[in-house]
C-alpha atoms as a PDB file:
ATOM      1  CA  MET A   1     -25.523  -1.323   0.485  1.00  0.00           C
ATOM      2  CA  GLY A   2     -26.126   2.364   1.270  1.00  0.00           C
ATOM      3  CA  LEU A   3     -28.351   3.817   3.418  1.00  0.00           C
ATOM      4  CA  VAL A   4     -31.226   4.340   1.638  1.00  0.00           C
ATOM      5  CA  ASN A   5     -31.114   0.877  -0.164  1.00  0.00           C
ATOM      6  CA  GLY A   6     -30.808  -0.281   3.810  1.00  0.00           C
ATOM      7  CA  ARG A   7     -34.411   1.507   4.444  1.00  0.00           C
ATOM      8  CA  ALA A   8     -36.072   0.771   1.290  1.00  0.00           C
ATOM      9  CA  VAL A   9     -35.224  -3.085   2.365  1.00  0.00           C
ATOM     10  CA  ARG A  10     -36.386  -2.691   5.430  1.00  0.00           C
ATOM     11  CA  GLU A  11     -39.654  -1.382   4.359  1.00  0.00           C
ATOM     12  CA  ALA A  12     -40.306  -4.191   2.357  1.00  0.00           C
ATOM     13  CA  ALA A  13     -38.683  -7.213   3.988  1.00  0.00           C
ATOM     14  CA  PRO A  14     -38.806  -6.021   8.069  1.00  0.00           C
ATOM     15  CA  ASP A  15     -37.671  -9.336   8.602  1.00  0.00           C
ATOM     16  CA  THR A  16     -34.047  -7.886   7.479  1.00  0.00           C
ATOM     17  CA  LYS A  17     -34.053  -5.279  10.109  1.00  0.00           C
ATOM     18  CA  ASP A  18     -31.857  -6.794  12.562  1.00  0.00           C
ATOM     19  CA  HIS A  19     -29.399  -7.877   9.415  1.00  0.00           C
ATOM     20  CA  VAL A  20     -29.522  -4.449   7.758  1.00  0.00           C
ATOM     21  CA  LEU A  21     -28.513  -3.255  10.910  1.00  0.00           C
ATOM     22  CA  GLU A  22     -25.814  -5.701  10.976  1.00  0.00           C
ATOM     23  CA  SER A  23     -24.724  -4.612   7.488  1.00  0.00           C
ATOM     24  CA  VAL A  24     -24.268  -1.106   8.443  1.00  0.00           C
ATOM     25  CA  GLU A  25     -22.253  -2.219  11.503  1.00  0.00           C
ATOM     26  CA  GLU A  26     -19.742  -3.925   9.832  1.00  0.00           C
ATOM     27  CA  HIS A  27     -19.460  -1.495   6.560  1.00  0.00           C
ATOM     28  CA  HIS A  28     -18.250   0.884   9.567  1.00  0.00           C
ATOM     29  CA  VAL A  29     -15.781  -1.327  11.391  1.00  0.00           C
ATOM     30  CA  MET A  30     -14.531  -2.430   8.159  1.00  0.00           C
ATOM     31  CA  LEU A  31     -13.862   1.375   7.014  1.00  0.00           C
ATOM     32  CA  TRP A  32     -12.537   2.259  10.446  1.00  0.00           C
ATOM     33  CA  MET A  33     -10.124  -0.364   9.996  1.00  0.00           C
ATOM     34  CA  LEU A  34      -9.066   0.718   6.557  1.00  0.00           C
ATOM     35  CA  SER A  35      -8.895   4.454   8.290  1.00  0.00           C
ATOM     36  CA  GLU A  36      -5.756   2.749  10.539  1.00  0.00           C
ATOM     37  CA  LEU A  37      -4.362   0.903   7.618  1.00  0.00           C
ATOM     38  CA  LYS A  38      -3.855   4.371   5.453  1.00  0.00           C
ATOM     39  CA  ASP A  39      -1.825   4.965   8.262  1.00  0.00           C
ATOM     40  CA  LEU A  40       0.309   2.345   9.074  1.00  0.00           C
ATOM     41  CA  ASP A  41       3.473   1.829   7.551  1.00  0.00           C
ATOM     42  CA  ALA A  42       3.823  -1.777   5.916  1.00  0.00           C
ATOM     43  CA  ALA A  43       6.623  -2.449   7.878  1.00  0.00           C
ATOM     44  CA  ASP A  44       4.678  -2.254  11.065  1.00  0.00           C
ATOM     45  CA  GLU A  45       4.121  -5.689  12.920  1.00  0.00           C
ATOM     46  CA  ARG A  46       0.857  -4.731  12.748  1.00  0.00           C
ATOM     47  CA  SER A  47       0.249  -4.366   9.639  1.00  0.00           C
ATOM     48  CA  ASP A  48       0.142  -7.974   8.025  1.00  0.00           C
ATOM     49  CA  ALA A  49      -2.396  -8.403  11.123  1.00  0.00           C
ATOM     50  CA  LYS A  50      -4.694  -6.047  10.221  1.00  0.00           C
ATOM     51  CA  MET A  51      -4.455  -6.795   7.195  1.00  0.00           C
ATOM     52  CA  SER A  52      -5.784 -10.543   7.984  1.00  0.00           C
ATOM     53  CA  VAL A  53      -8.071  -9.085  10.023  1.00  0.00           C
ATOM     54  CA  LEU A  54      -9.731  -6.677   7.400  1.00  0.00           C
ATOM     55  CA  MET A  55      -9.893  -9.475   4.722  1.00  0.00           C
ATOM     56  CA  GLU A  56     -11.506 -12.291   7.444  1.00  0.00           C
ATOM     57  CA  ASN A  57     -14.341  -9.711   8.207  1.00  0.00           C
ATOM     58  CA  VAL A  58     -14.946  -8.842   4.478  1.00  0.00           C
ATOM     59  CA  ARG A  59     -15.064 -12.095   3.759  1.00  0.00           C
ATOM     60  CA  HIS A  60     -17.344 -13.195   6.225  1.00  0.00           C
ATOM     61  CA  HIS A  61     -19.291  -9.850   5.755  1.00  0.00           C
ATOM     62  CA  VAL A  62     -19.650 -10.805   1.983  1.00  0.00           C
ATOM     63  CA  GLU A  63     -20.266 -14.447   2.375  1.00  0.00           C
ATOM     64  CA  GLU A  64     -23.307 -13.847   4.723  1.00  0.00           C
ATOM     65  CA  GLU A  65     -25.350 -11.868   2.656  1.00  0.00           C
ATOM     66  CA  GLU A  66     -24.564 -13.258  -0.808  1.00  0.00           C
ATOM     67  CA  LYS A  67     -25.859 -16.624   1.785  1.00  0.00           C
ATOM     68  CA  GLU A  68     -28.179 -15.929   4.179  1.00  0.00           C
ATOM     69  CA  TRP A  69     -29.535 -12.259   3.361  1.00  0.00           C
ATOM     70  CA  PHE A  70     -29.498 -11.456  -0.149  1.00  0.00           C
ATOM     71  CA  PRO A  71     -31.979 -14.367  -1.164  1.00  0.00           C
ATOM     72  CA  ASP A  72     -34.406 -13.576   1.461  1.00  0.00           C
ATOM     73  CA  VAL A  73     -34.524  -9.778   0.099  1.00  0.00           C
ATOM     74  CA  ARG A  74     -35.046 -11.141  -3.436  1.00  0.00           C
ATOM     75  CA  LYS A  75     -38.417 -12.710  -2.704  1.00  0.00           C
ATOM     76  CA  ALA A  76     -39.515  -9.885  -0.683  1.00  0.00           C
ATOM     77  CA  MET A  77     -38.554  -7.377  -3.287  1.00  0.00           C
ATOM     78  CA  GLY A  78     -39.072  -8.751  -6.248  1.00  0.00           C
ATOM     79  CA  ARG A  79     -37.215  -7.998 -10.016  1.00  0.00           C
ATOM     80  CA  ASN A  80     -38.448  -4.487 -10.977  1.00  0.00           C
ATOM     81  CA  ARG A  81     -37.881  -2.954  -7.034  1.00  0.00           C
ATOM     82  CA  LEU A  82     -34.378  -4.228  -7.253  1.00  0.00           C
ATOM     83  CA  THR A  83     -33.668  -3.341 -10.769  1.00  0.00           C
ATOM     84  CA  GLU A  84     -34.805   0.462  -9.867  1.00  0.00           C
ATOM     85  CA  LEU A  85     -32.535   0.290  -6.529  1.00  0.00           C
ATOM     86  CA  GLY A  86     -30.125  -0.799  -8.899  1.00  0.00           C
ATOM     87  CA  GLU A  87     -30.561   2.409 -11.161  1.00  0.00           C
ATOM     88  CA  GLN A  88     -30.695   4.391  -8.526  1.00  0.00           C
ATOM     89  CA  MET A  89     -27.136   3.363  -6.837  1.00  0.00           C
ATOM     90  CA  GLU A  90     -25.746   3.790 -10.520  1.00  0.00           C
ATOM     91  CA  ALA A  91     -26.622   7.092 -10.469  1.00  0.00           C
ATOM     92  CA  ALA A  92     -25.883   7.855  -6.737  1.00  0.00           C
ATOM     93  CA  LYS A  93     -22.127   6.271  -7.653  1.00  0.00           C
ATOM     94  CA  LYS A  94     -21.417   9.463  -9.455  1.00  0.00           C
ATOM     95  CA  ARG A  95     -21.919  11.713  -6.491  1.00  0.00           C
ATOM     96  CA  ALA A  96     -20.499   9.533  -4.074  1.00  0.00           C
ATOM     97  CA  PRO A  97     -16.711   9.908  -2.543  1.00  0.00           C
ATOM     98  CA  GLY A  98     -14.278   8.634  -4.295  1.00  0.00           C
ATOM     99  CA  GLU A  99     -11.889   7.878  -1.175  1.00  0.00           C
ATOM    100  CA  PRO A 100     -13.812   5.034   0.611  1.00  0.00           C
ATOM    101  CA  LEU A 101     -13.067   7.553   4.024  1.00  0.00           C
ATOM    102  CA  ALA A 102     -14.822  10.176   3.104  1.00  0.00           C
ATOM    103  CA  VAL A 103     -17.850   8.380   3.312  1.00  0.00           C
ATOM    104  CA  PRO A 104     -20.298   9.719   6.361  1.00  0.00           C
ATOM    105  CA  SER A 105     -20.013   6.232   8.379  1.00  0.00           C
ATOM    106  CA  ALA A 106     -16.607   6.559   7.940  1.00  0.00           C
ATOM    107  CA  LYS A 107     -16.223   9.420  10.575  1.00  0.00           C
ATOM    108  CA  ARG A 108     -15.422   8.291  13.916  1.00  0.00           C
END
């Protein structure tokens, strides 16, 4: 989602503040789990369990955003503002690190 978009959503739809904050924390947990998996040998007995937990977290996160949060954001922000934010995200992708663990929120 990104911090800039999180701020924009919170301004447009203050009722989503808790969802935004929870989403940021869920992203952080997923990055933390990726950092652990990166250094874990696939033969390690914890590897499959960690991957399963990561997959469950991602599925839960996506489902929660798509079913509960995004509809509220669409109503509050409107098509034009969402299109504008989408364009900003596309531009930001060019400057974003290609390595997920290089994003600032991945730092422990």
